[in-house]
Amino acid sequence: MEIIKWFGFNTIPIGIIISIFLLIYGKIKHIKYLDPEVPLGRLLFFVGNTFALGIGFFSVKYGPAAMDSKTITEGIMYIILGYSFCIYGFTFFFMTGMRRSYDIGFPFWIYPLFIVVTSLSRLVDEDIFQFLLLGMYIFLLEPGRNNN
């Protein structure tokens, strides 16, 4: 039961790490839905990120619920739900951003790097964090190769 509680507690970090490995594997093997070199327009970027964040919230609900489970089967069920939503949500979130940055003309690896720098800048200064967060609108407003 302690292992189930540990996996439930660490749903988000482990899910993000698995998601990053899936993206690397998709890039190496050129898997159609995991290849970041497919352009993505503004509308699909907005809809995709909204959908991915919505799915990510389910992982926050179901992953830690495994810590409060009474039986092992209930804990395993919550872990499976939590990790499924977490891996799918974060993979979709990173993939839409990477495809959008590739569509604008940046290298696709700029988007995860920008997310990390923006997240870490909150620890340094609130003004820098807000400035970088406003920079995220470049991905939404800049017309890309698709012009939609």
Protein backbone atom coordinates (compact mmCIF):
# COMPACT_ATOMS: atom_id res chain seq x y z
CA MET A 1 0.00 0.00 0.00
CA GLU A 2 2.97 2.32 0.59
CA ILE A 3 4.08 1.92 -3.02
CA ILE A 4 0.60 2.91 -4.23
CA LYS A 5 0.69 5.99 -1.99
CA TRP A 6 4.15 6.91 -3.33
CA PHE A 7 3.03 6.55 -6.96
CA GLY A 8 -0.09 8.56 -6.19
CA PHE A 9 1.94 11.34 -4.58
CA ASN A 10 4.38 11.55 -7.51
CA THR A 11 1.84 11.39 -10.36
CA ILE A 12 2.64 14.78 -11.91
CA PRO A 13 6.50 14.64 -11.97
CA ILE A 14 6.63 11.03 -13.16
CA GLY A 15 3.94 11.74 -15.78
CA ILE A 16 5.89 14.73 -17.12
CA ILE A 17 9.10 12.68 -17.34
CA ILE A 18 7.31 9.87 -19.19
CA SER A 19 5.74 12.47 -21.49
CA ILE A 20 9.15 13.94 -22.33
CA PHE A 21 10.52 10.46 -23.09
CA LEU A 22 7.53 9.84 -25.38
CA LEU A 23 8.27 13.07 -27.25
CA ILE A 24 11.92 12.13 -27.68
CA TYR A 25 10.95 8.65 -28.87
CA GLY A 26 8.39 10.12 -31.29
CA LYS A 27 11.00 12.46 -32.73
CA ILE A 28 13.60 9.71 -33.16
CA LYS A 29 11.19 7.20 -34.72
CA HIS A 30 9.15 9.84 -36.65
CA ILE A 31 5.83 8.76 -35.19
CA LYS A 32 3.11 10.81 -36.88
CA TYR A 33 1.31 12.05 -33.76
CA LEU A 34 4.47 12.58 -31.69
CA ASP A 35 6.64 14.30 -34.31
CA PRO A 36 7.06 18.01 -33.46
CA GLU A 37 7.97 18.99 -37.01
CA VAL A 38 4.33 19.06 -38.13
CA PRO A 39 3.06 22.68 -38.38
CA LEU A 40 0.10 23.77 -36.25
CA GLY A 41 -2.02 26.90 -36.73
CA ARG A 42 -3.13 29.42 -34.12
CA LEU A 43 -6.65 28.07 -33.67
CA LEU A 44 -5.55 24.47 -33.25
CA PHE A 45 -2.83 25.60 -30.83
CA PHE A 46 -5.39 27.37 -28.65
CA VAL A 47 -7.90 24.52 -28.75
CA GLY A 48 -5.18 21.90 -28.21
CA ASN A 49 -3.67 23.65 -25.20
CA THR A 50 -7.07 24.19 -23.63
CA PHE A 51 -7.92 20.52 -24.11
CA ALA A 52 -4.53 19.39 -22.77
CA LEU A 53 -4.79 21.52 -19.64
CA GLY A 54 -8.32 20.25 -19.04
CA ILE A 55 -7.08 16.67 -19.26
CA GLY A 56 -4.16 17.59 -17.01
CA PHE A 57 -6.55 18.70 -14.28
CA PHE A 58 -8.02 15.19 -14.24
CA SER A 59 -4.56 13.86 -13.40
CA VAL A 60 -4.45 16.18 -10.41
CA LYS A 61 -7.78 14.75 -9.28
CA TYR A 62 -7.17 11.04 -9.80
CA GLY A 63 -3.45 10.68 -9.10
CA PRO A 64 -3.40 11.87 -5.48
CA ALA A 65 -6.72 10.09 -4.84
CA ALA A 66 -4.69 6.86 -4.79
CA MET A 67 -3.17 7.98 -1.48
CA ASP A 68 -6.62 7.97 0.15
CA SER A 69 -7.73 4.63 -1.29
CA LYS A 70 -8.87 1.92 1.08
CA THR A 71 -7.96 -1.16 -0.98
CA ILE A 72 -5.13 -2.05 -3.32
CA THR A 73 -7.43 -2.45 -6.34
CA GLU A 74 -8.96 0.98 -5.77
CA GLY A 75 -5.46 2.48 -5.48
CA ILE A 76 -4.30 0.79 -8.68
CA MET A 77 -7.43 2.04 -10.49
CA TYR A 78 -6.72 5.65 -9.40
CA ILE A 79 -3.05 5.32 -10.35
CA ILE A 80 -3.96 4.05 -13.83
CA LEU A 81 -6.46 6.89 -14.31
CA GLY A 82 -4.10 9.53 -12.92
CA TYR A 83 -1.11 8.49 -14.98
CA SER A 84 -3.18 8.05 -18.15
CA PHE A 85 -4.60 11.56 -17.91
CA CYS A 86 -1.25 13.02 -16.87
CA ILE A 87 0.80 11.46 -19.66
CA TYR A 88 -1.81 12.23 -22.32
CA GLY A 89 -2.40 15.80 -21.12
CA PHE A 90 1.24 16.82 -20.80
CA THR A 91 2.28 15.10 -24.03
CA PHE A 92 -0.51 16.91 -25.86
CA PHE A 93 0.40 20.22 -24.16
CA PHE A 94 4.08 20.01 -25.12
CA MET A 95 3.30 18.67 -28.59
CA THR A 96 0.93 21.51 -29.50
CA GLY A 97 3.45 24.09 -28.32
CA MET A 98 6.35 22.46 -30.10
CA ARG A 99 4.38 22.17 -33.34
CA ARG A 100 3.27 25.80 -33.06
CA SER A 101 6.82 27.04 -32.50
CA TYR A 102 7.97 25.00 -35.50
CA ASP A 103 5.13 26.52 -37.55
CA ILE A 104 6.27 30.04 -36.64
CA GLY A 105 9.84 29.28 -37.66
CA PHE A 106 11.57 28.59 -34.34
CA PRO A 107 13.24 25.27 -33.61
CA PHE A 108 10.72 22.98 -31.92
CA TRP A 109 12.84 22.54 -28.75
CA ILE A 110 12.47 26.26 -27.93
CA TYR A 111 8.96 25.74 -26.50
CA PRO A 112 9.85 23.32 -23.65
CA LEU A 113 12.91 25.44 -22.87
CA PHE A 114 10.72 28.56 -22.74
CA ILE A 115 8.24 26.81 -20.42
CA VAL A 116 11.07 25.80 -18.04
CA VAL A 117 12.64 29.28 -18.03
CA THR A 118 9.25 30.90 -17.45
CA SER A 119 8.46 28.52 -14.59
CA LEU A 120 11.85 29.02 -12.94
CA SER A 121 11.73 32.82 -13.35
CA ARG A 122 8.82 32.94 -10.91
CA LEU A 123 11.27 31.94 -8.20
CA VAL A 124 13.58 34.85 -9.07
CA ASP A 125 11.36 37.85 -9.75
CA GLU A 126 7.61 38.29 -10.24
CA ASP A 127 8.08 41.00 -12.92
CA ILE A 128 10.30 38.78 -15.06
CA PHE A 129 7.75 35.97 -14.74
CA GLN A 130 4.92 38.23 -15.92
CA PHE A 131 7.03 39.54 -18.81
CA LEU A 132 7.87 36.03 -20.00
CA LEU A 133 4.27 34.92 -19.55
CA LEU A 134 3.18 37.75 -21.85
CA GLY A 135 5.76 36.49 -24.34
CA MET A 136 3.74 33.29 -24.63
CA TYR A 137 1.22 35.24 -26.71
CA ILE A 138 3.77 35.29 -29.53
CA PHE A 139 2.94 31.63 -30.11
CA LEU A 140 -0.74 32.46 -30.39
CA LEU A 141 -0.65 35.73 -32.34
CA GLU A 142 2.25 35.23 -34.74
CA PRO A 143 1.03 34.00 -38.15
CA GLY A 144 2.79 30.84 -39.19
CA ARG A 145 3.12 28.85 -42.37
CA ASN A 146 -0.55 27.78 -42.21
CA ASN A 147 -1.81 31.40 -41.78
CA ASN A 148 -4.85 30.34 -39.75
